[in-house]
Amino acid sequence: MSTTVPVSVSDARDQLASIIDRARTEHEPVFLSRRGRRVAAVIDVDDLERLIELADDMADIRAAEESREEMRRTKNEPTPWEQVKADLGLA
């Protein structure tokens, strides 16, 4: 996590281009503050896309873990892939 001092929103208006460049080159978020509280961040788009992908992957992992736990709890067996395809009209 970035330990740099946040830039106030009012200062950010005058420094937007340099803030964007800093976020892109340093690959660290530049936090914006209002009344001393962080309210937003500027980050490189590639970093954001990577974070979104990681969040999606984590959501899938958690959903799979929950499904496995439910199967253990209910003693249900997983539906075979061939049956899933047939049920969806794909087989």
PDB file of N, CA and C in Angstrom:
ATOM      1  N   MET A   1       0.841  -1.173   0.000  1.00  0.00           N
ATOM      2  CA  MET A   1       0.000   0.000   0.000  1.00  0.00           C
ATOM      3  C   MET A   1       0.886   1.235   0.000  1.00  0.00           C
ATOM      4  N   SER A   2       0.435   2.213  -0.701  1.00  0.00           N
ATOM      5  CA  SER A   2       1.213   3.434  -0.822  1.00  0.00           C
ATOM      6  C   SER A   2       1.248   4.196   0.498  1.00  0.00           C
ATOM      7  N   THR A   3       2.435   4.688   0.828  1.00  0.00           N
ATOM      8  CA  THR A   3       2.576   5.464   2.057  1.00  0.00           C
ATOM      9  C   THR A   3       2.776   6.940   1.756  1.00  0.00           C
ATOM     10  N   THR A   4       2.589   7.326   0.509  1.00  0.00           N
ATOM     11  CA  THR A   4       2.777   8.730   0.148  1.00  0.00           C
ATOM     12  C   THR A   4       1.633   9.568   0.697  1.00  0.00           C
ATOM     13  N   VAL A   5       1.933  10.837   0.886  1.00  0.00           N
ATOM     14  CA  VAL A   5       0.941  11.776   1.399  1.00  0.00           C
ATOM     15  C   VAL A   5      -0.119  11.993   0.314  1.00  0.00           C
ATOM     16  N   PRO A   6      -1.392  11.913   0.668  1.00  0.00           N
ATOM     17  CA  PRO A   6      -2.439  12.148  -0.336  1.00  0.00           C
ATOM     18  C   PRO A   6      -2.383  13.566  -0.888  1.00  0.00           C
ATOM     19  N   VAL A   7      -2.862  13.721  -2.103  1.00  0.00           N
ATOM     20  CA  VAL A   7      -2.952  15.021  -2.764  1.00  0.00           C
ATOM     21  C   VAL A   7      -4.374  15.522  -2.550  1.00  0.00           C
ATOM     22  N   SER A   8      -4.518  16.752  -2.141  1.00  0.00           N
ATOM     23  CA  SER A   8      -5.868  17.283  -1.957  1.00  0.00           C
ATOM     24  C   SER A   8      -6.558  17.393  -3.312  1.00  0.00           C
ATOM     25  N   VAL A   9      -7.860  17.233  -3.293  1.00  0.00           N
ATOM     26  CA  VAL A   9      -8.631  17.319  -4.535  1.00  0.00           C
ATOM     27  C   VAL A   9      -8.412  18.668  -5.204  1.00  0.00           C
ATOM     28  N   SER A  10      -8.372  19.723  -4.427  1.00  0.00           N
ATOM     29  CA  SER A  10      -8.170  21.047  -5.034  1.00  0.00           C
ATOM     30  C   SER A  10      -6.796  21.149  -5.701  1.00  0.00           C
ATOM     31  N   ASP A  11      -5.733  20.585  -5.070  1.00  0.00           N
ATOM     32  CA  ASP A  11      -4.411  20.585  -5.706  1.00  0.00           C
ATOM     33  C   ASP A  11      -4.388  19.666  -6.922  1.00  0.00           C
ATOM     34  N   ALA A  12      -5.146  18.588  -6.861  1.00  0.00           N
ATOM     35  CA  ALA A  12      -5.171  17.622  -7.964  1.00  0.00           C
ATOM     36  C   ALA A  12      -5.703  18.244  -9.244  1.00  0.00           C
ATOM     37  N   ARG A  13      -6.586  19.189  -9.112  1.00  0.00           N
ATOM     38  CA  ARG A  13      -7.122  19.860 -10.312  1.00  0.00           C
ATOM     39  C   ARG A  13      -5.998  20.491 -11.136  1.00  0.00           C
ATOM     40  N   ASP A  14      -5.026  21.067 -10.439  1.00  0.00           N
ATOM     41  CA  ASP A  14      -3.918  21.727 -11.127  1.00  0.00           C
ATOM     42  C   ASP A  14      -2.818  20.761 -11.541  1.00  0.00           C
ATOM     43  N   GLN A  15      -2.804  19.573 -10.951  1.00  0.00           N
ATOM     44  CA  GLN A  15      -1.708  18.627 -11.174  1.00  0.00           C
ATOM     45  C   GLN A  15      -2.158  17.340 -11.857  1.00  0.00           C
ATOM     46  N   LEU A  16      -3.323  17.335 -12.470  1.00  0.00           N
ATOM     47  CA  LEU A  16      -3.892  16.083 -12.967  1.00  0.00           C
ATOM     48  C   LEU A  16      -2.947  15.320 -13.888  1.00  0.00           C
ATOM     49  N   ALA A  17      -2.343  16.005 -14.850  1.00  0.00           N
ATOM     50  CA  ALA A  17      -1.455  15.315 -15.790  1.00  0.00           C
ATOM     51  C   ALA A  17      -0.283  14.671 -15.060  1.00  0.00           C
ATOM     52  N   SER A  18       0.322  15.372 -14.117  1.00  0.00           N
ATOM     53  CA  SER A  18       1.465  14.798 -13.398  1.00  0.00           C
ATOM     54  C   SER A  18       1.027  13.671 -12.466  1.00  0.00           C
ATOM     55  N   ILE A  19      -0.174  13.759 -11.909  1.00  0.00           N
ATOM     56  CA  ILE A  19      -0.690  12.680 -11.051  1.00  0.00           C
ATOM     57  C   ILE A  19      -0.895  11.413 -11.880  1.00  0.00           C
ATOM     58  N   ILE A  20      -1.466  11.578 -13.059  1.00  0.00           N
ATOM     59  CA  ILE A  20      -1.664  10.425 -13.951  1.00  0.00           C
ATOM     60  C   ILE A  20      -0.324   9.816 -14.334  1.00  0.00           C
ATOM     61  N   ASP A  21       0.633  10.650 -14.704  1.00  0.00           N
ATOM     62  CA  ASP A  21       1.963  10.148 -15.070  1.00  0.00           C
ATOM     63  C   ASP A  21       2.601   9.407 -13.901  1.00  0.00           C
ATOM     64  N   ARG A  22       2.471   9.949 -12.699  1.00  0.00           N
ATOM     65  CA  ARG A  22       3.048   9.312 -11.515  1.00  0.00           C
ATOM     66  C   ARG A  22       2.420   7.940 -11.270  1.00  0.00           C
ATOM     67  N   ALA A  23       1.108   7.853 -11.382  1.00  0.00           N
ATOM     68  CA  ALA A  23       0.427   6.573 -11.182  1.00  0.00           C
ATOM     69  C   ALA A  23       0.866   5.554 -12.223  1.00  0.00           C
ATOM     70  N   ARG A  24       1.052   5.996 -13.459  1.00  0.00           N
ATOM     71  CA  ARG A  24       1.441   5.079 -14.538  1.00  0.00           C
ATOM     72  C   ARG A  24       2.881   4.617 -14.406  1.00  0.00           C
ATOM     73  N   THR A  25       3.787   5.516 -14.040  1.00  0.00           N
ATOM     74  CA  THR A  25       5.200   5.141 -14.004  1.00  0.00           C
ATOM     75  C   THR A  25       5.580   4.413 -12.722  1.00  0.00           C
ATOM     76  N   GLU A  26       4.981   4.803 -11.597  1.00  0.00           N
ATOM     77  CA  GLU A  26       5.336   4.191 -10.315  1.00  0.00           C
ATOM     78  C   GLU A  26       4.495   2.960  -9.988  1.00  0.00           C
ATOM     79  N   HIS A  27       3.407   2.765 -10.730  1.00  0.00           N
ATOM     80  CA  HIS A  27       2.492   1.648 -10.468  1.00  0.00           C
ATOM     81  C   HIS A  27       2.071   1.596  -9.004  1.00  0.00           C
ATOM     82  N   GLU A  28       1.847   2.760  -8.452  1.00  0.00           N
ATOM     83  CA  GLU A  28       1.326   2.930  -7.094  1.00  0.00           C
ATOM     84  C   GLU A  28       0.144   3.884  -7.188  1.00  0.00           C
ATOM     85  N   PRO A  29      -0.905   3.642  -6.414  1.00  0.00           N
ATOM     86  CA  PRO A  29      -2.017   4.587  -6.462  1.00  0.00           C
ATOM     87  C   PRO A  29      -1.622   5.947  -5.907  1.00  0.00           C
ATOM     88  N   VAL A  30      -2.196   6.980  -6.480  1.00  0.00           N
ATOM     89  CA  VAL A  30      -2.044   8.329  -5.943  1.00  0.00           C
ATOM     90  C   VAL A  30      -3.383   8.662  -5.294  1.00  0.00           C
ATOM     91  N   PHE A  31      -3.374   8.775  -3.969  1.00  0.00           N
ATOM     92  CA  PHE A  31      -4.609   9.017  -3.235  1.00  0.00           C
ATOM     93  C   PHE A  31      -4.957  10.494  -3.243  1.00  0.00           C
ATOM     94  N   LEU A  32      -6.234  10.772  -3.386  1.00  0.00           N
ATOM     95  CA  LEU A  32      -6.749  12.133  -3.338  1.00  0.00           C
ATOM     96  C   LEU A  32      -7.528  12.292  -2.040  1.00  0.00           C
ATOM     97  N   SER A  33      -7.386  13.464  -1.435  1.00  0.00           N
ATOM     98  CA  SER A  33      -8.059  13.677  -0.156  1.00  0.00           C
ATOM     99  C   SER A  33      -8.923  14.928  -0.193  1.00  0.00           C
ATOM    100  N   ARG A  34      -9.892  14.903   0.663  1.00  0.00           N
ATOM    101  CA  ARG A  34     -10.758  16.065   0.865  1.00  0.00           C
ATOM    102  C   ARG A  34     -10.939  16.203   2.370  1.00  0.00           C
ATOM    103  N   ARG A  35     -10.609  17.363   2.875  1.00  0.00           N
ATOM    104  CA  ARG A  35     -10.673  17.637   4.313  1.00  0.00           C
ATOM    105  C   ARG A  35      -9.862  16.620   5.124  1.00  0.00           C
ATOM    106  N   GLY A  36      -8.709  16.250   4.576  1.00  0.00           N
ATOM    107  CA  GLY A  36      -7.795  15.364   5.276  1.00  0.00           C
ATOM    108  C   GLY A  36      -8.130  13.888   5.208  1.00  0.00           C
ATOM    109  N   ARG A  37      -9.201  13.516   4.511  1.00  0.00           N
ATOM    110  CA  ARG A  37      -9.591  12.101   4.386  1.00  0.00           C
ATOM    111  C   ARG A  37      -9.445  11.637   2.944  1.00  0.00           C
ATOM    112  N   ARG A  38      -8.895  10.444   2.763  1.00  0.00           N
ATOM    113  CA  ARG A  38      -8.786   9.892   1.409  1.00  0.00           C
ATOM    114  C   ARG A  38     -10.180   9.642   0.852  1.00  0.00           C
ATOM    115  N   VAL A  39     -10.404  10.116  -0.357  1.00  0.00           N
ATOM    116  CA  VAL A  39     -11.713   9.964  -0.979  1.00  0.00           C
ATOM    117  C   VAL A  39     -11.664   9.274  -2.348  1.00  0.00           C
ATOM    118  N   ALA A  40     -10.492   9.206  -2.938  1.00  0.00           N
ATOM    119  CA  ALA A  40     -10.364   8.597  -4.262  1.00  0.00           C
ATOM    120  C   ALA A  40      -8.900   8.255  -4.505  1.00  0.00           C
ATOM    121  N   ALA A  41      -8.674   7.512  -5.585  1.00  0.00           N
ATOM    122  CA  ALA A  41      -7.305   7.178  -5.968  1.00  0.00           C
ATOM    123  C   ALA A  41      -7.204   7.154  -7.485  1.00  0.00           C
ATOM    124  N   VAL A  42      -6.042   7.537  -7.974  1.00  0.00           N
ATOM    125  CA  VAL A  42      -5.733   7.440  -9.398  1.00  0.00           C
ATOM    126  C   VAL A  42      -4.735   6.297  -9.533  1.00  0.00           C
ATOM    127  N   ILE A  43      -5.088   5.311 -10.375  1.00  0.00           N
ATOM    128  CA  ILE A  43      -4.172   4.182 -10.591  1.00  0.00           C
ATOM    129  C   ILE A  43      -4.044   3.918 -12.089  1.00  0.00           C
ATOM    130  N   ASP A  44      -2.964   3.259 -12.444  1.00  0.00           N
ATOM    131  CA  ASP A  44      -2.719   2.885 -13.829  1.00  0.00           C
ATOM    132  C   ASP A  44      -3.794   1.905 -14.285  1.00  0.00           C
ATOM    133  N   VAL A  45      -4.280   2.062 -15.502  1.00  0.00           N
ATOM    134  CA  VAL A  45      -5.358   1.222 -16.006  1.00  0.00           C
ATOM    135  C   VAL A  45      -4.951  -0.253 -16.055  1.00  0.00           C
ATOM    136  N   ASP A  46      -3.701  -0.559 -16.405  1.00  0.00           N
ATOM    137  CA  ASP A  46      -3.259  -1.956 -16.423  1.00  0.00           C
ATOM    138  C   ASP A  46      -3.293  -2.555 -15.016  1.00  0.00           C
ATOM    139  N   ASP A  47      -2.915  -1.753 -14.020  1.00  0.00           N
ATOM    140  CA  ASP A  47      -2.972  -2.217 -12.638  1.00  0.00           C
ATOM    141  C   ASP A  47      -4.419  -2.470 -12.218  1.00  0.00           C
ATOM    142  N   LEU A  48      -5.317  -1.584 -12.616  1.00  0.00           N
ATOM    143  CA  LEU A  48      -6.733  -1.759 -12.291  1.00  0.00           C
ATOM    144  C   LEU A  48      -7.289  -3.023 -12.933  1.00  0.00           C
ATOM    145  N   GLU A  49      -6.976  -3.233 -14.194  1.00  0.00           N
ATOM    146  CA  GLU A  49      -7.471  -4.433 -14.882  1.00  0.00           C
ATOM    147  C   GLU A  49      -6.952  -5.697 -14.210  1.00  0.00           C
ATOM    148  N   ARG A  50      -5.679  -5.677 -13.784  1.00  0.00           N
ATOM    149  CA  ARG A  50      -5.116  -6.836 -13.088  1.00  0.00           C
ATOM    150  C   ARG A  50      -5.843  -7.059 -11.756  1.00  0.00           C
ATOM    151  N   LEU A  51      -6.124  -5.985 -11.042  1.00  0.00           N
ATOM    152  CA  LEU A  51      -6.857  -6.103  -9.773  1.00  0.00           C
ATOM    153  C   LEU A  51      -8.263  -6.659  -9.988  1.00  0.00           C
ATOM    154  N   ILE A  52      -8.931  -6.214 -11.047  1.00  0.00           N
ATOM    155  CA  ILE A  52     -10.271  -6.717 -11.353  1.00  0.00           C
ATOM    156  C   ILE A  52     -10.212  -8.208 -11.667  1.00  0.00           C
ATOM    157  N   GLU A  53      -9.233  -8.623 -12.468  1.00  0.00           N
ATOM    158  CA  GLU A  53      -9.075 -10.043 -12.782  1.00  0.00           C
ATOM    159  C   GLU A  53      -8.830 -10.861 -11.519  1.00  0.00           C
ATOM    160  N   LEU A  54      -7.960 -10.363 -10.648  1.00  0.00           N
ATOM    161  CA  LEU A  54      -7.681 -11.066  -9.401  1.00  0.00           C
ATOM    162  C   LEU A  54      -8.918 -11.159  -8.519  1.00  0.00           C
ATOM    163  N   ALA A  55      -9.698 -10.079  -8.463  1.00  0.00           N
ATOM    164  CA  ALA A  55     -10.935 -10.092  -7.672  1.00  0.00           C
ATOM    165  C   ALA A  55     -11.921 -11.101  -8.247  1.00  0.00           C
ATOM    166  N   ASP A  56     -12.034 -11.162  -9.581  1.00  0.00           N
ATOM    167  CA  ASP A  56     -12.914 -12.142 -10.209  1.00  0.00           C
ATOM    168  C   ASP A  56     -12.449 -13.565  -9.905  1.00  0.00           C
ATOM    169  N   ASP A  57     -11.138 -13.788  -9.997  1.00  0.00           N
ATOM    170  CA  ASP A  57     -10.591 -15.111  -9.679  1.00  0.00           C
ATOM    171  C   ASP A  57     -10.888 -15.484  -8.233  1.00  0.00           C
ATOM    172  N   MET A  58     -10.707 -14.530  -7.322  1.00  0.00           N
ATOM    173  CA  MET A  58     -10.966 -14.803  -5.907  1.00  0.00           C
ATOM    174  C   MET A  58     -12.442 -15.110  -5.672  1.00  0.00           C
ATOM    175  N   ALA A  59     -13.328 -14.396  -6.357  1.00  0.00           N
ATOM    176  CA  ALA A  59     -14.761 -14.662  -6.221  1.00  0.00           C
ATOM    177  C   ALA A  59     -15.083 -16.076  -6.705  1.00  0.00           C
ATOM    178  N   ASP A  60     -14.449 -16.502  -7.813  1.00  0.00           N
ATOM    179  CA  ASP A  60     -14.664 -17.860  -8.317  1.00  0.00           C
ATOM    180  C   ASP A  60     -14.150 -18.899  -7.325  1.00  0.00           C
ATOM    181  N   ILE A  61     -12.991 -18.646  -6.743  1.00  0.00           N
ATOM    182  CA  ILE A  61     -12.421 -19.576  -5.765  1.00  0.00           C
ATOM    183  C   ILE A  61     -13.340 -19.699  -4.553  1.00  0.00           C
ATOM    184  N   ARG A  62     -13.830 -18.574  -4.064  1.00  0.00           N
ATOM    185  CA  ARG A  62     -14.736 -18.598  -2.907  1.00  0.00           C
ATOM    186  C   ARG A  62     -16.033 -19.322  -3.240  1.00  0.00           C
ATOM    187  N   ALA A  63     -16.579 -19.091  -4.425  1.00  0.00           N
ATOM    188  CA  ALA A  63     -17.813 -19.767  -4.829  1.00  0.00           C
ATOM    189  C   ALA A  63     -17.592 -21.275  -4.905  1.00  0.00           C
ATOM    190  N   ALA A  64     -16.449 -21.698  -5.432  1.00  0.00           N
ATOM    191  CA  ALA A  64     -16.140 -23.133  -5.506  1.00  0.00           C
ATOM    192  C   ALA A  64     -15.998 -23.724  -4.105  1.00  0.00           C
ATOM    193  N   GLU A  65     -15.329 -22.997  -3.218  1.00  0.00           N
ATOM    194  CA  GLU A  65     -15.189 -23.470  -1.835  1.00  0.00           C
ATOM    195  C   GLU A  65     -16.552 -23.598  -1.160  1.00  0.00           C
ATOM    196  N   GLU A  66     -17.427 -22.622  -1.387  1.00  0.00           N
ATOM    197  CA  GLU A  66     -18.771 -22.677  -0.810  1.00  0.00           C
ATOM    198  C   GLU A  66     -19.551 -23.858  -1.359  1.00  0.00           C
ATOM    199  N   SER A  67     -19.398 -24.119  -2.654  1.00  0.00           N
ATOM    200  CA  SER A  67     -20.085 -25.267  -3.263  1.00  0.00           C
ATOM    201  C   SER A  67     -19.582 -26.584  -2.684  1.00  0.00           C
ATOM    202  N   ARG A  68     -18.266 -26.696  -2.525  1.00  0.00           N
ATOM    203  CA  ARG A  68     -17.712 -27.923  -1.931  1.00  0.00           C
ATOM    204  C   ARG A  68     -18.190 -28.103  -0.492  1.00  0.00           C
ATOM    205  N   GLU A  69     -18.235 -27.001   0.256  1.00  0.00           N
ATOM    206  CA  GLU A  69     -18.719 -27.069   1.629  1.00  0.00           C
ATOM    207  C   GLU A  69     -20.187 -27.483   1.669  1.00  0.00           C
ATOM    208  N   GLU A  70     -20.990 -26.940   0.766  1.00  0.00           N
ATOM    209  CA  GLU A  70     -22.404 -27.325   0.715  1.00  0.00           C
ATOM    210  C   GLU A  70     -22.553 -28.800   0.373  1.00  0.00           C
ATOM    211  N   MET A  71     -21.725 -29.298  -0.563  1.00  0.00           N
ATOM    212  CA  MET A  71     -21.794 -30.723  -0.910  1.00  0.00           C
ATOM    213  C   MET A  71     -21.409 -31.590   0.280  1.00  0.00           C
ATOM    214  N   ARG A  72     -20.394 -31.161   1.053  1.00  0.00           N
ATOM    215  CA  ARG A  72     -20.012 -31.929   2.251  1.00  0.00           C
ATOM    216  C   ARG A  72     -21.147 -31.914   3.268  1.00  0.00           C
ATOM    217  N   ARG A  73     -21.741 -30.741   3.451  1.00  0.00           N
ATOM    218  CA  ARG A  73     -22.795 -30.583   4.453  1.00  0.00           C
ATOM    219  C   ARG A  73     -24.049 -31.370   4.080  1.00  0.00           C
ATOM    220  N   THR A  74     -24.442 -31.336   2.800  1.00  0.00           N
ATOM    221  CA  THR A  74     -25.675 -31.993   2.356  1.00  0.00           C
ATOM    222  C   THR A  74     -25.436 -33.413   1.863  1.00  0.00           C
ATOM    223  N   LYS A  75     -24.171 -33.795   1.758  1.00  0.00           N
ATOM    224  CA  LYS A  75     -23.790 -35.127   1.263  1.00  0.00           C
ATOM    225  C   LYS A  75     -24.240 -35.358  -0.186  1.00  0.00           C
ATOM    226  N   ASN A  76     -24.435 -34.266  -0.941  1.00  0.00           N
ATOM    227  CA  ASN A  76     -24.787 -34.368  -2.357  1.00  0.00           C
ATOM    228  C   ASN A  76     -23.529 -34.621  -3.175  1.00  0.00           C
ATOM    229  N   GLU A  77     -23.701 -35.333  -4.262  1.00  0.00           N
ATOM    230  CA  GLU A  77     -22.609 -35.589  -5.196  1.00  0.00           C
ATOM    231  C   GLU A  77     -22.646 -34.524  -6.287  1.00  0.00           C
ATOM    232  N   PRO A  78     -21.501 -34.171  -6.857  1.00  0.00           N
ATOM    233  CA  PRO A  78     -21.516 -33.197  -7.958  1.00  0.00           C
ATOM    234  C   PRO A  78     -22.212 -33.785  -9.187  1.00  0.00           C
ATOM    235  N   THR A  79     -22.802 -32.908  -9.989  1.00  0.00           N
ATOM    236  CA  THR A  79     -23.454 -33.341 -11.223  1.00  0.00           C
ATOM    237  C   THR A  79     -22.374 -33.578 -12.270  1.00  0.00           C
ATOM    238  N   PRO A  80     -22.360 -34.758 -12.887  1.00  0.00           N
ATOM    239  CA  PRO A  80     -21.348 -35.029 -13.918  1.00  0.00           C
ATOM    240  C   PRO A  80     -21.457 -34.032 -15.079  1.00  0.00           C
ATOM    241  N   TRP A  81     -20.316 -33.670 -15.634  1.00  0.00           N
ATOM    242  CA  TRP A  81     -20.251 -32.693 -16.711  1.00  0.00           C
ATOM    243  C   TRP A  81     -21.129 -33.097 -17.889  1.00  0.00           C
ATOM    244  N   GLU A  82     -21.144 -34.342 -18.230  1.00  0.00           N
ATOM    245  CA  GLU A  82     -21.965 -34.820 -19.359  1.00  0.00           C
ATOM    246  C   GLU A  82     -23.435 -34.554 -19.075  1.00  0.00           C
ATOM    247  N   GLN A  83     -23.870 -34.711 -17.831  1.00  0.00           N
ATOM    248  CA  GLN A  83     -25.255 -34.437 -17.472  1.00  0.00           C
ATOM    249  C   GLN A  83     -25.569 -32.941 -17.569  1.00  0.00           C
ATOM    250  N   VAL A  84     -24.622 -32.104 -17.141  1.00  0.00           N
ATOM    251  CA  VAL A  84     -24.811 -30.652 -17.235  1.00  0.00           C
ATOM    252  C   VAL A  84     -24.983 -30.249 -18.693  1.00  0.00           C
ATOM    253  N   LYS A  85     -24.110 -30.770 -19.574  1.00  0.00           N
ATOM    254  CA  LYS A  85     -24.218 -30.440 -20.995  1.00  0.00           C
ATOM    255  C   LYS A  85     -25.559 -30.907 -21.565  1.00  0.00           C
ATOM    256  N   ALA A  86     -25.985 -32.096 -21.187  1.00  0.00           N
ATOM    257  CA  ALA A  86     -27.265 -32.617 -21.693  1.00  0.00           C
ATOM    258  C   ALA A  86     -28.421 -31.748 -21.199  1.00  0.00           C
ATOM    259  N   ASP A  87     -28.390 -31.365 -19.920  1.00  0.00           N
ATOM    260  CA  ASP A  87     -29.447 -30.529 -19.358  1.00  0.00           C
ATOM    261  C   ASP A  87     -29.535 -29.178 -20.053  1.00  0.00           C
ATOM    262  N   LEU A  88     -28.408 -28.677 -20.513  1.00  0.00           N
ATOM    263  CA  LEU A  88     -28.362 -27.379 -21.202  1.00  0.00           C
ATOM    264  C   LEU A  88     -28.562 -27.500 -22.715  1.00  0.00           C
ATOM    265  N   GLY A  89     -28.740 -28.739 -23.187  1.00  0.00           N
ATOM    266  CA  GLY A  89     -28.925 -28.956 -24.621  1.00  0.00           C
ATOM    267  C   GLY A  89     -27.650 -28.805 -25.425  1.00  0.00           C
ATOM    268  N   LEU A  90     -26.500 -29.011 -24.764  1.00  0.00           N
ATOM    269  CA  LEU A  90     -25.218 -28.859 -25.443  1.00  0.00           C
ATOM    270  C   LEU A  90     -24.628 -30.201 -25.889  1.00  0.00           C
ATOM    271  N   ALA A  91     -25.278 -31.280 -25.520  1.00  0.00           N
ATOM    272  CA  ALA A  91     -24.708 -32.594 -25.857  1.00  0.00           C
ATOM    273  C   ALA A  91     -25.573 -33.287 -26.890  1.00  0.00           C
TER     274      ALA A  91
END
